[in-house]
C-alpha atoms as a PDB file:
ATOM      1  CA  MET A   1      51.839 -11.230 -34.681  1.00  0.00           C
ATOM      2  CA  ALA A   2      49.355  -8.642 -36.126  1.00  0.00           C
ATOM      3  CA  SER A   3      46.912 -11.711 -37.022  1.00  0.00           C
ATOM      4  CA  GLU A   4      47.071 -13.454 -33.690  1.00  0.00           C
ATOM      5  CA  ASN A   5      45.442 -10.376 -31.587  1.00  0.00           C
ATOM      6  CA  GLY A   6      43.837  -9.588 -34.732  1.00  0.00           C
ATOM      7  CA  PRO A   7      39.743 -11.298 -32.984  1.00  0.00           C
ATOM      8  CA  GLU A   8      41.305 -10.566 -29.710  1.00  0.00           C
ATOM      9  CA  THR A   9      41.644  -6.870 -29.868  1.00  0.00           C
ATOM     10  CA  GLN A  10      37.860  -6.860 -31.877  1.00  0.00           C
ATOM     11  CA  GLU A  11      36.484  -8.744 -28.827  1.00  0.00           C
ATOM     12  CA  GLU A  12      37.476  -6.004 -27.052  1.00  0.00           C
ATOM     13  CA  LYS A  13      36.532  -2.808 -28.669  1.00  0.00           C
ATOM     14  CA  ALA A  14      32.361  -4.719 -28.901  1.00  0.00           C
ATOM     15  CA  ALA A  15      32.797  -5.270 -25.351  1.00  0.00           C
ATOM     16  CA  LEU A  16      34.117  -1.609 -24.824  1.00  0.00           C
ATOM     17  CA  ILE A  17      31.446   0.150 -27.051  1.00  0.00           C
ATOM     18  CA  GLN A  18      28.762  -2.090 -25.089  1.00  0.00           C
ATOM     19  CA  GLY A  19      30.017  -0.997 -21.940  1.00  0.00           C
ATOM     20  CA  CYS A  20      29.645   2.899 -22.662  1.00  0.00           C
ATOM     21  CA  SER A  21      26.362   2.586 -24.167  1.00  0.00           C
ATOM     22  CA  GLU A  22      25.286   1.001 -20.909  1.00  0.00           C
ATOM     23  CA  GLU A  23      26.630   3.975 -19.136  1.00  0.00           C
ATOM     24  CA  GLU A  24      25.482   6.316 -21.577  1.00  0.00           C
ATOM     25  CA  ALA A  25      22.128   4.671 -21.033  1.00  0.00           C
ATOM     26  CA  GLN A  26      22.276   4.962 -17.048  1.00  0.00           C
ATOM     27  CA  GLN A  27      23.235   9.244 -16.921  1.00  0.00           C
ATOM     28  CA  GLN A  28      20.728   9.791 -19.230  1.00  0.00           C
ATOM     29  CA  GLY A  29      18.191   8.027 -16.962  1.00  0.00           C
ATOM     30  CA  SER A  30      16.534   6.035 -19.296  1.00  0.00           C
ATOM     31  CA  ILE A  31      12.918   4.852 -18.528  1.00  0.00           C
ATOM     32  CA  VAL A  32      12.313   1.335 -17.469  1.00  0.00           C
ATOM     33  CA  PRO A  33      10.439  -0.494 -19.397  1.00  0.00           C
ATOM     34  CA  ARG A  34       7.180  -1.870 -18.244  1.00  0.00           C
ATOM     35  CA  ASN A  35       8.004  -6.072 -18.837  1.00  0.00           C
ATOM     36  CA  LYS A  36       7.771  -8.876 -16.454  1.00  0.00           C
ATOM     37  CA  GLU A  37      11.097  -8.601 -15.698  1.00  0.00           C
ATOM     38  CA  SER A  38      10.664  -4.865 -14.126  1.00  0.00           C
ATOM     39  CA  LYS A  39       9.859  -6.239 -10.203  1.00  0.00           C
ATOM     40  CA  LEU A  40       7.862  -3.515  -8.273  1.00  0.00           C
ATOM     41  CA  THR A  41       7.052  -4.229  -4.322  1.00  0.00           C
ATOM     42  CA  LEU A  42       5.030  -2.442  -2.592  1.00  0.00           C
ATOM     43  CA  TYR A  43       5.196  -2.341   1.501  1.00  0.00           C
ATOM     44  CA  HIS A  44       2.336  -0.465   2.951  1.00  0.00           C
ATOM     45  CA  TRP A  45      -0.338   0.404   5.679  1.00  0.00           C
ATOM     46  CA  THR A  46      -4.050  -0.123   3.878  1.00  0.00           C
ATOM     47  CA  GLN A  47      -4.983   3.332   5.917  1.00  0.00           C
ATOM     48  CA  SER A  48      -1.627   5.456   5.560  1.00  0.00           C
ATOM     49  CA  PHE A  49      -2.936   8.342   3.619  1.00  0.00           C
ATOM     50  CA  ASN A  50       0.580   7.966   2.084  1.00  0.00           C
ATOM     51  CA  SER A  51      -0.131   4.598   0.932  1.00  0.00           C
ATOM     52  CA  GLN A  52      -3.129   5.135  -0.731  1.00  0.00           C
ATOM     53  CA  LYS A  53      -1.223   7.427  -2.666  1.00  0.00           C
ATOM     54  CA  VAL A  54       0.895   5.427  -3.566  1.00  0.00           C
ATOM     55  CA  ARG A  55      -1.258   2.472  -4.191  1.00  0.00           C
ATOM     56  CA  LEU A  56      -3.198   4.645  -5.896  1.00  0.00           C
ATOM     57  CA  ALA A  57      -0.533   5.593  -8.761  1.00  0.00           C
ATOM     58  CA  ILE A  58       0.322   2.033  -9.731  1.00  0.00           C
ATOM     59  CA  ALA A  59      -2.984   1.330 -10.042  1.00  0.00           C
ATOM     60  CA  GLU A  60      -3.208   3.888 -12.216  1.00  0.00           C
ATOM     61  CA  LYS A  61      -0.200   2.678 -14.354  1.00  0.00           C
ATOM     62  CA  GLY A  62      -1.012  -0.432 -14.666  1.00  0.00           C
ATOM     63  CA  LEU A  63       1.756  -1.408 -12.503  1.00  0.00           C
ATOM     64  CA  ARG A  64       1.758  -5.423 -11.748  1.00  0.00           C
ATOM     65  CA  CYS A  65       3.150  -4.607  -8.247  1.00  0.00           C
ATOM     66  CA  GLU A  66       3.589  -7.123  -5.150  1.00  0.00           C
ATOM     67  CA  GLU A  67       2.072  -5.820  -2.071  1.00  0.00           C
ATOM     68  CA  TYR A  68       2.456  -6.678   1.414  1.00  0.00           C
ATOM     69  CA  ASP A  69       0.493  -4.976   3.893  1.00  0.00           C
ATOM     70  CA  VAL A  70       2.253  -3.830   7.384  1.00  0.00           C
ATOM     71  CA  SER A  71       0.073  -3.441   9.847  1.00  0.00           C
ATOM     72  CA  LEU A  72       0.982   0.041  11.918  1.00  0.00           C
ATOM     73  CA  PRO A  73      -1.324  -0.718  14.864  1.00  0.00           C
ATOM     74  CA  LEU A  74       0.571  -4.314  15.717  1.00  0.00           C
ATOM     75  CA  SER A  75       3.545  -2.873  14.900  1.00  0.00           C
ATOM     76  CA  GLU A  76       5.055  -4.720  12.302  1.00  0.00           C
ATOM     77  CA  HIS A  77       6.702  -1.310  10.552  1.00  0.00           C
ATOM     78  CA  ASN A  78       9.149  -1.616  13.686  1.00  0.00           C
ATOM     79  CA  GLU A  79      10.000  -5.324  13.543  1.00  0.00           C
ATOM     80  CA  PRO A  80      13.363  -6.046  12.374  1.00  0.00           C
ATOM     81  CA  TRP A  81      12.927  -7.456   8.858  1.00  0.00           C
ATOM     82  CA  PHE A  82      10.831  -3.786   7.468  1.00  0.00           C
ATOM     83  CA  MET A  83      13.922  -1.647   9.670  1.00  0.00           C
ATOM     84  CA  ARG A  84      15.926  -2.984   7.378  1.00  0.00           C
ATOM     85  CA  LEU A  85      14.399  -1.676   4.577  1.00  0.00           C
ATOM     86  CA  ASN A  86      13.691   1.332   5.921  1.00  0.00           C
ATOM     87  CA  PRO A  87      15.432   2.559   9.261  1.00  0.00           C
ATOM     88  CA  ALA A  88      12.584   5.162  10.005  1.00  0.00           C
ATOM     89  CA  GLY A  89      10.217   2.548  10.206  1.00  0.00           C
ATOM     90  CA  GLU A  90       7.514   4.488   7.783  1.00  0.00           C
ATOM     91  CA  VAL A  91       5.298   2.858   5.305  1.00  0.00           C
ATOM     92  CA  PRO A  92       5.254   3.029   2.178  1.00  0.00           C
ATOM     93  CA  VAL A  93       8.553   1.438   0.743  1.00  0.00           C
ATOM     94  CA  LEU A  94       8.560   0.377  -2.556  1.00  0.00           C
ATOM     95  CA  VAL A  95      11.394  -1.729  -3.731  1.00  0.00           C
ATOM     96  CA  HIS A  96      12.260  -1.664  -7.565  1.00  0.00           C
ATOM     97  CA  ASN A  97      15.025  -4.462  -8.862  1.00  0.00           C
ATOM     98  CA  ASP A  98      17.353  -3.462  -6.933  1.00  0.00           C
ATOM     99  CA  ASN A  99      15.915   0.502  -5.331  1.00  0.00           C
ATOM    100  CA  VAL A 100      14.909   0.699  -2.795  1.00  0.00           C
ATOM    101  CA  ILE A 101      12.736   4.070  -2.316  1.00  0.00           C
ATOM    102  CA  CYS A 102      11.134   4.628   1.366  1.00  0.00           C
ATOM    103  CA  ASP A 103       9.069   8.772   0.666  1.00  0.00           C
ATOM    104  CA  PRO A 104       6.029   8.750  -0.392  1.00  0.00           C
ATOM    105  CA  THR A 105       6.687  12.397  -2.661  1.00  0.00           C
ATOM    106  CA  GLN A 106      10.230  10.390  -3.690  1.00  0.00           C
ATOM    107  CA  ILE A 107       8.045   7.064  -4.713  1.00  0.00           C
ATOM    108  CA  ILE A 108       5.541   8.573  -6.897  1.00  0.00           C
ATOM    109  CA  ASP A 109       8.309  10.703  -8.860  1.00  0.00           C
ATOM    110  CA  TYR A 110      10.419   7.596  -9.511  1.00  0.00           C
ATOM    111  CA  LEU A 111       7.362   6.414 -11.376  1.00  0.00           C
ATOM    112  CA  GLU A 112       6.394   9.475 -12.766  1.00  0.00           C
ATOM    113  CA  GLU A 113      10.040   8.961 -14.566  1.00  0.00           C
ATOM    114  CA  ASN A 114      10.314   5.749 -15.256  1.00  0.00           C
ATOM    115  CA  PHE A 115       7.040   4.428 -16.358  1.00  0.00           C
ATOM    116  CA  ASN A 116       5.141   6.030 -19.198  1.00  0.00           C
ATOM    117  CA  ASP A 117       1.272   7.091 -18.286  1.00  0.00           C
ATOM    118  CA  GLU A 118      -1.490   5.214 -20.914  1.00  0.00           C
ATOM    119  CA  GLU A 119      -4.203   8.017 -21.760  1.00  0.00           C
ATOM    120  CA  GLY A 120      -6.716   8.410 -19.835  1.00  0.00           C
ATOM    121  CA  SER A 121     -10.284   9.856 -19.857  1.00  0.00           C
ATOM    122  CA  PRO A 122     -10.704  13.877 -20.550  1.00  0.00           C
ATOM    123  CA  SER A 123     -10.896  16.502 -18.819  1.00  0.00           C
ATOM    124  CA  TRP A 124      -8.774  15.851 -15.422  1.00  0.00           C
ATOM    125  CA  LEU A 125      -6.352  18.381 -13.887  1.00  0.00           C
ATOM    126  CA  CYS A 126      -3.837  18.465 -16.313  1.00  0.00           C
ATOM    127  CA  GLY A 127      -5.410  17.774 -19.333  1.00  0.00           C
ATOM    128  CA  ASP A 128      -6.794  14.161 -20.825  1.00  0.00           C
ATOM    129  CA  PHE A 129      -4.599  11.832 -18.812  1.00  0.00           C
ATOM    130  CA  PHE A 130      -5.231  11.010 -15.094  1.00  0.00           C
ATOM    131  CA  SER A 131      -1.956  12.689 -13.555  1.00  0.00           C
ATOM    132  CA  ILE A 132      -0.424  12.018  -9.819  1.00  0.00           C
ATOM    133  CA  ALA A 133      -1.692  15.931  -9.219  1.00  0.00           C
ATOM    134  CA  ASP A 134      -5.638  13.747  -9.239  1.00  0.00           C
ATOM    135  CA  VAL A 135      -4.094  10.693  -7.481  1.00  0.00           C
ATOM    136  CA  SER A 136      -3.076  13.502  -4.445  1.00  0.00           C
ATOM    137  CA  LEU A 137      -6.527  15.358  -5.253  1.00  0.00           C
ATOM    138  CA  ALA A 138      -8.687  12.047  -5.995  1.00  0.00           C
ATOM    139  CA  VAL A 139      -6.992  10.388  -2.384  1.00  0.00           C
ATOM    140  CA  THR A 140      -7.339  14.280   0.034  1.00  0.00           C
ATOM    141  CA  LEU A 141     -11.374  14.033  -1.197  1.00  0.00           C
ATOM    142  CA  HIS A 142     -11.597  10.170   0.124  1.00  0.00           C
ATOM    143  CA  ARG A 143     -10.074  10.428   2.723  1.00  0.00           C
ATOM    144  CA  LEU A 144     -12.391  13.992   4.106  1.00  0.00           C
ATOM    145  CA  LYS A 145     -15.104  11.590   2.955  1.00  0.00           C
ATOM    146  CA  PHE A 146     -14.272   8.962   5.187  1.00  0.00           C
ATOM    147  CA  LEU A 147     -13.996  11.743   7.913  1.00  0.00           C
ATOM    148  CA  GLY A 148     -17.589  12.475   7.362  1.00  0.00           C
ATOM    149  CA  LEU A 149     -16.238  16.033   5.854  1.00  0.00           C
ATOM    150  CA  SER A 150     -17.588  15.819   2.492  1.00  0.00           C
ATOM    151  CA  ARG A 151     -20.881  17.850   2.741  1.00  0.00           C
ATOM    152  CA  ARG A 152     -18.673  20.338   4.564  1.00  0.00           C
ATOM    153  CA  TYR A 153     -16.607  21.235   1.648  1.00  0.00           C
ATOM    154  CA  TRP A 154     -18.229  20.223  -1.085  1.00  0.00           C
ATOM    155  CA  GLY A 155     -21.488  18.268  -0.633  1.00  0.00           C
ATOM    156  CA  ASN A 156     -25.197  19.984  -0.661  1.00  0.00           C
ATOM    157  CA  GLY A 157     -24.592  21.539  -3.887  1.00  0.00           C
ATOM    158  CA  ARG A 158     -21.959  23.957  -2.687  1.00  0.00           C
ATOM    159  CA  ARG A 159     -18.933  22.890  -5.370  1.00  0.00           C
ATOM    160  CA  VAL A 160     -20.861  21.560  -8.041  1.00  0.00           C
ATOM    161  CA  ASN A 161     -17.476  21.051 -10.309  1.00  0.00           C
ATOM    162  CA  VAL A 162     -16.012  19.125  -7.195  1.00  0.00           C
ATOM    163  CA  GLU A 163     -18.853  16.686  -6.398  1.00  0.00           C
ATOM    164  CA  THR A 164     -18.842  15.527 -10.435  1.00  0.00           C
ATOM    165  CA  TYR A 165     -15.623  14.936 -10.111  1.00  0.00           C
ATOM    166  CA  TYR A 166     -15.360  12.420  -7.650  1.00  0.00           C
ATOM    167  CA  GLU A 167     -17.815  11.474  -8.970  1.00  0.00           C
ATOM    168  CA  ARG A 168     -16.498  10.054 -11.916  1.00  0.00           C
ATOM    169  CA  VAL A 169     -12.736   9.191  -9.578  1.00  0.00           C
ATOM    170  CA  VAL A 170     -14.883   6.532  -7.823  1.00  0.00           C
ATOM    171  CA  GLU A 171     -15.898   4.851 -10.604  1.00  0.00           C
ATOM    172  CA  ARG A 172     -12.913   4.253 -12.567  1.00  0.00           C
ATOM    173  CA  GLN A 173     -12.447   0.865 -12.066  1.00  0.00           C
ATOM    174  CA  ALA A 174      -8.599   1.395 -10.491  1.00  0.00           C
ATOM    175  CA  PHE A 175      -9.648   3.544  -7.801  1.00  0.00           C
ATOM    176  CA  ARG A 176     -12.138   1.038  -7.163  1.00  0.00           C
ATOM    177  CA  ARG A 177      -9.746  -1.734  -6.919  1.00  0.00           C
ATOM    178  CA  VAL A 178      -7.319   0.131  -4.376  1.00  0.00           C
ATOM    179  CA  LEU A 179      -9.984   2.089  -2.324  1.00  0.00           C
ATOM    180  CA  GLY A 180     -13.324   0.948  -3.119  1.00  0.00           C
ATOM    181  CA  TYR A 181     -14.009  -0.271   0.359  1.00  0.00           C
ATOM    182  CA  VAL A 182     -11.172   1.957   2.740  1.00  0.00           C
ATOM    183  CA  ASN A 183     -13.637   3.512   3.787  1.00  0.00           C
ATOM    184  CA  ASN A 184     -15.797   0.857   5.633  1.00  0.00           C
ATOM    185  CA  ILE A 185     -13.312   0.716   8.542  1.00  0.00           C
ATOM    186  CA  LEU A 186     -14.086  -2.840   9.398  1.00  0.00           C
ATOM    187  CA  ILE A 187     -13.517  -4.450   6.953  1.00  0.00           C
ATOM    188  CA  SER A 188     -10.308  -2.315   5.240  1.00  0.00           C
ATOM    189  CA  ALA A 189      -8.625  -2.327   9.021  1.00  0.00           C
ATOM    190  CA  VAL A 190     -10.493  -3.846  12.666  1.00  0.00           C
ATOM    191  CA  LEU A 191     -11.049  -7.715  10.978  1.00  0.00           C
ATOM    192  CA  PRO A 192      -7.754  -7.425   9.013  1.00  0.00           C
ATOM    193  CA  VAL A 193      -6.037  -6.272  12.206  1.00  0.00           C
ATOM    194  CA  ALA A 194      -7.734  -9.221  14.723  1.00  0.00           C
ATOM    195  CA  PHE A 195      -7.486 -11.862  11.833  1.00  0.00           C
ATOM    196  CA  ARG A 196      -4.311 -11.173  11.881  1.00  0.00           C
ATOM    197  CA  VAL A 197      -3.312 -11.166  15.728  1.00  0.00           C
ATOM    198  CA  ALA A 198      -6.006 -14.051  15.895  1.00  0.00           C
ATOM    199  CA  LYS A 199      -3.602 -15.559  14.278  1.00  0.00           C
ATOM    200  CA  LYS A 200       0.303 -15.163  15.664  1.00  0.00           C
ATOM    201  CA  ASN A 201      -1.368 -15.612  18.997  1.00  0.00           C
ATOM    202  CA  ALA A 202      -3.654 -18.368  18.546  1.00  0.00           C
ATOM    203  CA  PRO A 203      -1.882 -20.612  21.487  1.00  0.00           C
ATOM    204  CA  VAL A 204      -2.321 -17.829  24.010  1.00  0.00           C
ATOM    205  CA  ILE A 205      -6.059 -17.081  22.629  1.00  0.00           C
ATOM    206  CA  VAL A 206      -7.102 -19.793  22.765  1.00  0.00           C
ATOM    207  CA  GLY A 207      -5.544 -20.493  26.249  1.00  0.00           C
ATOM    208  CA  THR A 208      -6.589 -17.956  27.563  1.00  0.00           C
ATOM    209  CA  THR A 209     -10.637 -18.512  26.240  1.00  0.00           C
ATOM    210  CA  LEU A 210     -10.655 -21.888  27.769  1.00  0.00           C
ATOM    211  CA  LEU A 211      -9.641 -20.315  31.395  1.00  0.00           C
ATOM    212  CA  VAL A 212     -11.804 -17.047  31.381  1.00  0.00           C
ATOM    213  CA  GLY A 213     -14.669 -20.050  30.044  1.00  0.00           C
ATOM    214  CA  PHE A 214     -13.472 -22.575  32.958  1.00  0.00           C
ATOM    215  CA  LEU A 215     -13.519 -19.314  35.374  1.00  0.00           C
ATOM    216  CA  GLY A 216     -16.584 -18.451  35.027  1.00  0.00           C
ATOM    217  CA  GLY A 217     -18.257 -21.306  34.900  1.00  0.00           C
ATOM    218  CA  ALA A 218     -16.422 -22.032  38.293  1.00  0.00           C
ATOM    219  CA  THR A 219     -17.650 -18.928  39.368  1.00  0.00           C
ATOM    220  CA  TYR A 220     -21.850 -19.418  37.798  1.00  0.00           C
ATOM    221  CA  LEU A 221     -21.410 -23.102  40.415  1.00  0.00           C
ATOM    222  CA  ALA A 222     -20.113 -21.036  43.459  1.00  0.00           C
ATOM    223  CA  PHE A 223     -23.302 -18.848  43.213  1.00  0.00           C
ATOM    224  CA  LEU A 224     -26.031 -21.435  42.785  1.00  0.00           C
ATOM    225  CA  TYR A 225     -24.387 -23.351  45.259  1.00  0.00           C
ATOM    226  CA  MET A 226     -24.277 -20.403  47.776  1.00  0.00           C
ATOM    227  CA  LYS A 227     -27.647 -19.910  46.337  1.00  0.00           C
ATOM    228  CA  LYS A 228     -29.258 -23.272  47.548  1.00  0.00           C
ATOM    229  CA  ARG A 229     -27.173 -22.903  50.673  1.00  0.00           C
ATOM    230  CA  LEU A 230     -28.599 -19.378  51.787  1.00  0.00           C
ATOM    231  CA  SER A 231     -32.495 -20.572  50.397  1.00  0.00           C
ATOM    232  CA  PRO A 232     -33.561 -22.188  53.571  1.00  0.00           C
ATOM    233  CA  PHE A 233     -33.131 -18.603  55.178  1.00  0.00           C
ATOM    234  CA  THR A 234     -35.099 -16.474  53.076  1.00  0.00           C
END
């Protein structure tokens, strides 16, 4: 009897050992490896300040991430599919495997805890790597630049170190890829929204255009007719 139960007992022990090791790894908060199986999905809006910080943090870490632009002007954040992700209806939202994180600060903390940074250029805020502190400051300076307040706070030689820091930031490849065109409101906000409105409401827009054109043509013809009728009296 003992020899018949031996293999099963060994298999059970192996399964228990493996299960215990997995539980210990989860309790210790093991680092998530940067591989193809680790899927990141970010729902954001291009002009959102918090979304910009999260996108830059992801780009600086060199992570592969699928991004979906949720237009706030079109109220896409209030649509049922997005409300299922975040009942508060706010962007950004990060989905990593089975984890859904909705708060921008928690998203950045999650990225810091689960993904290792690569070494970067020297003389950043926290030393020889571009940290989350640099991400926050870089996006803040870029937003001030967008609002036309850069000269007021650090331009014209007022704060040379800040000005030099910002110039170094905008030359970073990840920054240029994520925020390089954001300050152009026409390219980053107006045109994308206009194209999406046109795509969603193409039949309505075409019908309205035809109606307006017909009414305009009819009005012009009526004007010419009345002008011709009234010309003998002038």
